[in-house]
Amino acid sequence: MDDNFVVRPRKSYGKSTVVSARLPDDLLKKLDTICTKTGRSRNELITMCIEYALQRIKIVDEKD
């Protein structure tokens, strides 16, 4: 599986809900740099990052 984070053309997500999250300053700076380079909003990139992570998540039992 290709593990790159690919930024594709915008798509419609339909109904959405507002959520709030605290991010470390250095993480936010990196996100803003990518926003500037790609022309995407923070919201778009955060949504894309969450989708990427959810498609690849592996939950490991603490016993493993």
PDB file of N, CA and C in Angstrom:
ATOM      1  N   MET A   1       0.847  -1.185   0.000  1.00  0.00           N
ATOM      2  CA  MET A   1       0.000   0.000   0.000  1.00  0.00           C
ATOM      3  C   MET A   1       0.887   1.242   0.000  1.00  0.00           C
ATOM      4  N   ASP A   2       0.599   2.166  -0.896  1.00  0.00           N
ATOM      5  CA  ASP A   2       1.300   3.440  -0.943  1.00  0.00           C
ATOM      6  C   ASP A   2       0.934   4.229   0.302  1.00  0.00           C
ATOM      7  N   ASP A   3       1.920   4.678   1.060  1.00  0.00           N
ATOM      8  CA  ASP A   3       1.656   5.324   2.339  1.00  0.00           C
ATOM      9  C   ASP A   3       1.736   6.848   2.251  1.00  0.00           C
ATOM     10  N   ASN A   4       1.832   7.386   1.041  1.00  0.00           N
ATOM     11  CA  ASN A   4       1.882   8.838   0.882  1.00  0.00           C
ATOM     12  C   ASN A   4       0.525   9.460   1.152  1.00  0.00           C
ATOM     13  N   PHE A   5       0.552  10.666   1.654  1.00  0.00           N
ATOM     14  CA  PHE A   5      -0.676  11.433   1.870  1.00  0.00           C
ATOM     15  C   PHE A   5      -0.892  12.272   0.620  1.00  0.00           C
ATOM     16  N   VAL A   6      -1.860  11.907  -0.195  1.00  0.00           N
ATOM     17  CA  VAL A   6      -2.098  12.551  -1.483  1.00  0.00           C
ATOM     18  C   VAL A   6      -3.233  13.560  -1.352  1.00  0.00           C
ATOM     19  N   VAL A   7      -3.002  14.785  -1.827  1.00  0.00           N
ATOM     20  CA  VAL A   7      -4.022  15.822  -1.813  1.00  0.00           C
ATOM     21  C   VAL A   7      -4.681  15.833  -3.182  1.00  0.00           C
ATOM     22  N   ARG A   8      -5.971  15.521  -3.211  1.00  0.00           N
ATOM     23  CA  ARG A   8      -6.731  15.432  -4.460  1.00  0.00           C
ATOM     24  C   ARG A   8      -7.696  16.607  -4.584  1.00  0.00           C
ATOM     25  N   PRO A   9      -8.347  16.738  -5.733  1.00  0.00           N
ATOM     26  CA  PRO A   9      -9.344  17.806  -5.891  1.00  0.00           C
ATOM     27  C   PRO A   9     -10.418  17.734  -4.811  1.00  0.00           C
ATOM     28  N   ARG A  10     -11.008  18.865  -4.542  1.00  0.00           N
ATOM     29  CA  ARG A  10     -12.033  18.973  -3.498  1.00  0.00           C
ATOM     30  C   ARG A  10     -13.231  18.080  -3.799  1.00  0.00           C
ATOM     31  N   LYS A  11     -13.857  17.585  -2.731  1.00  0.00           N
ATOM     32  CA  LYS A  11     -15.094  16.831  -2.886  1.00  0.00           C
ATOM     33  C   LYS A  11     -16.082  17.329  -1.843  1.00  0.00           C
ATOM     34  N   SER A  12     -17.336  17.096  -2.094  1.00  0.00           N
ATOM     35  CA  SER A  12     -18.378  17.527  -1.173  1.00  0.00           C
ATOM     36  C   SER A  12     -18.586  16.466  -0.108  1.00  0.00           C
ATOM     37  N   TYR A  13     -18.674  16.887   1.141  1.00  0.00           N
ATOM     38  CA  TYR A  13     -18.877  15.956   2.244  1.00  0.00           C
ATOM     39  C   TYR A  13     -20.310  15.944   2.743  1.00  0.00           C
ATOM     40  N   GLY A  14     -21.158  16.832   2.243  1.00  0.00           N
ATOM     41  CA  GLY A  14     -22.539  16.876   2.716  1.00  0.00           C
ATOM     42  C   GLY A  14     -22.616  17.535   4.080  1.00  0.00           C
ATOM     43  N   LYS A  15     -23.535  17.028   4.907  1.00  0.00           N
ATOM     44  CA  LYS A  15     -23.752  17.592   6.232  1.00  0.00           C
ATOM     45  C   LYS A  15     -22.487  17.482   7.072  1.00  0.00           C
ATOM     46  N   SER A  16     -22.219  18.513   7.864  1.00  0.00           N
ATOM     47  CA  SER A  16     -21.040  18.488   8.720  1.00  0.00           C
ATOM     48  C   SER A  16     -21.376  19.044  10.101  1.00  0.00           C
ATOM     49  N   THR A  17     -20.497  18.774  11.054  1.00  0.00           N
ATOM     50  CA  THR A  17     -20.662  19.216  12.428  1.00  0.00           C
ATOM     51  C   THR A  17     -19.396  19.922  12.868  1.00  0.00           C
ATOM     52  N   VAL A  18     -19.528  21.001  13.605  1.00  0.00           N
ATOM     53  CA  VAL A  18     -18.380  21.739  14.108  1.00  0.00           C
ATOM     54  C   VAL A  18     -17.813  21.013  15.320  1.00  0.00           C
ATOM     55  N   VAL A  19     -16.487  20.817  15.322  1.00  0.00           N
ATOM     56  CA  VAL A  19     -15.786  20.247  16.470  1.00  0.00           C
ATOM     57  C   VAL A  19     -14.599  21.144  16.800  1.00  0.00           C
ATOM     58  N   SER A  20     -14.103  21.020  18.000  1.00  0.00           N
ATOM     59  CA  SER A  20     -12.969  21.823  18.431  1.00  0.00           C
ATOM     60  C   SER A  20     -11.852  20.902  18.901  1.00  0.00           C
ATOM     61  N   ALA A  21     -10.617  21.250  18.578  1.00  0.00           N
ATOM     62  CA  ALA A  21      -9.468  20.452  19.017  1.00  0.00           C
ATOM     63  C   ALA A  21      -8.299  21.380  19.306  1.00  0.00           C
ATOM     64  N   ARG A  22      -7.546  21.062  20.328  1.00  0.00           N
ATOM     65  CA  ARG A  22      -6.325  21.809  20.641  1.00  0.00           C
ATOM     66  C   ARG A  22      -5.167  21.124  19.932  1.00  0.00           C
ATOM     67  N   LEU A  23      -4.365  21.925  19.219  1.00  0.00           N
ATOM     68  CA  LEU A  23      -3.215  21.396  18.501  1.00  0.00           C
ATOM     69  C   LEU A  23      -1.948  22.075  19.006  1.00  0.00           C
ATOM     70  N   PRO A  24      -0.859  21.331  19.109  1.00  0.00           N
ATOM     71  CA  PRO A  24       0.411  21.952  19.482  1.00  0.00           C
ATOM     72  C   PRO A  24       0.810  22.998  18.437  1.00  0.00           C
ATOM     73  N   ASP A  25       1.446  24.067  18.885  1.00  0.00           N
ATOM     74  CA  ASP A  25       1.817  25.159  17.980  1.00  0.00           C
ATOM     75  C   ASP A  25       2.656  24.686  16.799  1.00  0.00           C
ATOM     76  N   ASP A  26       3.623  23.775  17.037  1.00  0.00           N
ATOM     77  CA  ASP A  26       4.470  23.315  15.936  1.00  0.00           C
ATOM     78  C   ASP A  26       3.680  22.522  14.900  1.00  0.00           C
ATOM     79  N   LEU A  27       2.693  21.770  15.343  1.00  0.00           N
ATOM     80  CA  LEU A  27       1.843  21.020  14.418  1.00  0.00           C
ATOM     81  C   LEU A  27       0.992  21.971  13.576  1.00  0.00           C
ATOM     82  N   LEU A  28       0.471  23.005  14.208  1.00  0.00           N
ATOM     83  CA  LEU A  28      -0.339  23.984  13.497  1.00  0.00           C
ATOM     84  C   LEU A  28       0.494  24.738  12.458  1.00  0.00           C
ATOM     85  N   LYS A  29       1.744  25.043  12.783  1.00  0.00           N
ATOM     86  CA  LYS A  29       2.628  25.720  11.827  1.00  0.00           C
ATOM     87  C   LYS A  29       2.863  24.843  10.599  1.00  0.00           C
ATOM     88  N   LYS A  30       3.082  23.549  10.830  1.00  0.00           N
ATOM     89  CA  LYS A  30       3.275  22.622   9.713  1.00  0.00           C
ATOM     90  C   LYS A  30       2.011  22.540   8.854  1.00  0.00           C
ATOM     91  N   LEU A  31       0.862  22.473   9.508  1.00  0.00           N
ATOM     92  CA  LEU A  31      -0.410  22.422   8.795  1.00  0.00           C
ATOM     93  C   LEU A  31      -0.603  23.680   7.959  1.00  0.00           C
ATOM     94  N   ASP A  32      -0.323  24.837   8.546  1.00  0.00           N
ATOM     95  CA  ASP A  32      -0.477  26.098   7.821  1.00  0.00           C
ATOM     96  C   ASP A  32       0.469  26.194   6.630  1.00  0.00           C
ATOM     97  N   THR A  33       1.662  25.638   6.752  1.00  0.00           N
ATOM     98  CA  THR A  33       2.603  25.615   5.636  1.00  0.00           C
ATOM     99  C   THR A  33       2.026  24.817   4.475  1.00  0.00           C
ATOM    100  N   ILE A  34       1.435  23.673   4.793  1.00  0.00           N
ATOM    101  CA  ILE A  34       0.815  22.840   3.747  1.00  0.00           C
ATOM    102  C   ILE A  34      -0.388  23.551   3.151  1.00  0.00           C
ATOM    103  N   CYS A  35      -1.166  24.243   3.980  1.00  0.00           N
ATOM    104  CA  CYS A  35      -2.314  25.015   3.480  1.00  0.00           C
ATOM    105  C   CYS A  35      -1.854  26.048   2.458  1.00  0.00           C
ATOM    106  N   THR A  36      -0.790  26.742   2.779  1.00  0.00           N
ATOM    107  CA  THR A  36      -0.263  27.768   1.879  1.00  0.00           C
ATOM    108  C   THR A  36       0.214  27.158   0.566  1.00  0.00           C
ATOM    109  N   LYS A  37       0.913  26.032   0.651  1.00  0.00           N
ATOM    110  CA  LYS A  37       1.456  25.387  -0.554  1.00  0.00           C
ATOM    111  C   LYS A  37       0.372  24.796  -1.442  1.00  0.00           C
ATOM    112  N   THR A  38      -0.729  24.321  -0.838  1.00  0.00           N
ATOM    113  CA  THR A  38      -1.750  23.616  -1.618  1.00  0.00           C
ATOM    114  C   THR A  38      -2.995  24.444  -1.910  1.00  0.00           C
ATOM    115  N   GLY A  39      -3.143  25.587  -1.224  1.00  0.00           N
ATOM    116  CA  GLY A  39      -4.342  26.394  -1.410  1.00  0.00           C
ATOM    117  C   GLY A  39      -5.561  25.813  -0.713  1.00  0.00           C
ATOM    118  N   ARG A  40      -5.346  24.874   0.187  1.00  0.00           N
ATOM    119  CA  ARG A  40      -6.440  24.263   0.943  1.00  0.00           C
ATOM    120  C   ARG A  40      -6.622  24.979   2.273  1.00  0.00           C
ATOM    121  N   SER A  41      -7.826  24.902   2.820  1.00  0.00           N
ATOM    122  CA  SER A  41      -8.090  25.478   4.137  1.00  0.00           C
ATOM    123  C   SER A  41      -7.625  24.502   5.212  1.00  0.00           C
ATOM    124  N   ARG A  42      -7.476  25.004   6.427  1.00  0.00           N
ATOM    125  CA  ARG A  42      -7.159  24.120   7.555  1.00  0.00           C
ATOM    126  C   ARG A  42      -8.209  23.022   7.675  1.00  0.00           C
ATOM    127  N   ASN A  43      -9.461  23.429   7.579  1.00  0.00           N
ATOM    128  CA  ASN A  43     -10.556  22.470   7.709  1.00  0.00           C
ATOM    129  C   ASN A  43     -10.435  21.343   6.693  1.00  0.00           C
ATOM    130  N   GLU A  44     -10.167  21.695   5.443  1.00  0.00           N
ATOM    131  CA  GLU A  44     -10.041  20.673   4.398  1.00  0.00           C
ATOM    132  C   GLU A  44      -8.902  19.705   4.702  1.00  0.00           C
ATOM    133  N   LEU A  45      -7.744  20.249   5.075  1.00  0.00           N
ATOM    134  CA  LEU A  45      -6.598  19.382   5.326  1.00  0.00           C
ATOM    135  C   LEU A  45      -6.782  18.527   6.572  1.00  0.00           C
ATOM    136  N   ILE A  46      -7.366  19.089   7.613  1.00  0.00           N
ATOM    137  CA  ILE A  46      -7.624  18.295   8.821  1.00  0.00           C
ATOM    138  C   ILE A  46      -8.582  17.158   8.498  1.00  0.00           C
ATOM    139  N   THR A  47      -9.624  17.436   7.722  1.00  0.00           N
ATOM    140  CA  THR A  47     -10.570  16.389   7.317  1.00  0.00           C
ATOM    141  C   THR A  47      -9.851  15.314   6.509  1.00  0.00           C
ATOM    142  N   MET A  48      -9.008  15.724   5.580  1.00  0.00           N
ATOM    143  CA  MET A  48      -8.270  14.763   4.766  1.00  0.00           C
ATOM    144  C   MET A  48      -7.329  13.916   5.620  1.00  0.00           C
ATOM    145  N   CYS A  49      -6.680  14.534   6.592  1.00  0.00           N
ATOM    146  CA  CYS A  49      -5.768  13.797   7.477  1.00  0.00           C
ATOM    147  C   CYS A  49      -6.528  12.766   8.305  1.00  0.00           C
ATOM    148  N   ILE A  50      -7.687  13.141   8.802  1.00  0.00           N
ATOM    149  CA  ILE A  50      -8.491  12.209   9.588  1.00  0.00           C
ATOM    150  C   ILE A  50      -8.963  11.051   8.723  1.00  0.00           C
ATOM    151  N   GLU A  51      -9.416  11.332   7.502  1.00  0.00           N
ATOM    152  CA  GLU A  51      -9.827  10.261   6.589  1.00  0.00           C
ATOM    153  C   GLU A  51      -8.661   9.303   6.329  1.00  0.00           C
ATOM    154  N   TYR A  52      -7.506   9.860   6.079  1.00  0.00           N
ATOM    155  CA  TYR A  52      -6.295   9.069   5.810  1.00  0.00           C
ATOM    156  C   TYR A  52      -5.996   8.151   6.994  1.00  0.00           C
ATOM    157  N   ALA A  53      -6.021   8.710   8.193  1.00  0.00           N
ATOM    158  CA  ALA A  53      -5.715   7.926   9.391  1.00  0.00           C
ATOM    159  C   ALA A  53      -6.758   6.844   9.635  1.00  0.00           C
ATOM    160  N   LEU A  54      -8.032   7.158   9.464  1.00  0.00           N
ATOM    161  CA  LEU A  54      -9.090   6.182   9.717  1.00  0.00           C
ATOM    162  C   LEU A  54      -9.032   5.000   8.750  1.00  0.00           C
ATOM    163  N   GLN A  55      -8.581   5.247   7.523  1.00  0.00           N
ATOM    164  CA  GLN A  55      -8.462   4.172   6.540  1.00  0.00           C
ATOM    165  C   GLN A  55      -7.293   3.242   6.846  1.00  0.00           C
ATOM    166  N   ARG A  56      -6.340   3.726   7.657  1.00  0.00           N
ATOM    167  CA  ARG A  56      -5.126   2.953   7.908  1.00  0.00           C
ATOM    168  C   ARG A  56      -4.923   2.578   9.373  1.00  0.00           C
ATOM    169  N   ILE A  57      -5.883   2.908  10.206  1.00  0.00           N
ATOM    170  CA  ILE A  57      -5.713   2.682  11.637  1.00  0.00           C
ATOM    171  C   ILE A  57      -5.631   1.192  11.970  1.00  0.00           C
ATOM    172  N   LYS A  58      -4.775   0.881  12.904  1.00  0.00           N
ATOM    173  CA  LYS A  58      -4.666  -0.479  13.429  1.00  0.00           C
ATOM    174  C   LYS A  58      -4.709  -0.359  14.936  1.00  0.00           C
ATOM    175  N   ILE A  59      -5.710  -0.961  15.543  1.00  0.00           N
ATOM    176  CA  ILE A  59      -5.857  -0.916  16.982  1.00  0.00           C
ATOM    177  C   ILE A  59      -5.192  -2.159  17.560  1.00  0.00           C
ATOM    178  N   VAL A  60      -4.241  -1.927  18.454  1.00  0.00           N
ATOM    179  CA  VAL A  60      -3.467  -3.019  19.020  1.00  0.00           C
ATOM    180  C   VAL A  60      -3.837  -3.167  20.493  1.00  0.00           C
ATOM    181  N   ASP A  61      -4.182  -4.379  20.873  1.00  0.00           N
ATOM    182  CA  ASP A  61      -4.485  -4.681  22.265  1.00  0.00           C
ATOM    183  C   ASP A  61      -3.203  -4.504  23.080  1.00  0.00           C
ATOM    184  N   GLU A  62      -3.322  -3.929  24.261  1.00  0.00           N
ATOM    185  CA  GLU A  62      -2.147  -3.689  25.100  1.00  0.00           C
ATOM    186  C   GLU A  62      -1.404  -4.967  25.439  1.00  0.00           C
ATOM    187  N   LYS A  63      -2.057  -6.103  25.339  1.00  0.00           N
ATOM    188  CA  LYS A  63      -1.432  -7.392  25.634  1.00  0.00           C
ATOM    189  C   LYS A  63      -0.446  -7.806  24.542  1.00  0.00           C
ATOM    190  N   ASP A  64      -0.627  -7.249  23.324  1.00  0.00           N
ATOM    191  CA  ASP A  64       0.241  -7.613  22.191  1.00  0.00           C
ATOM    192  C   ASP A  64       1.599  -6.966  22.287  1.00  0.00           C
TER     193      ASP A  64
END
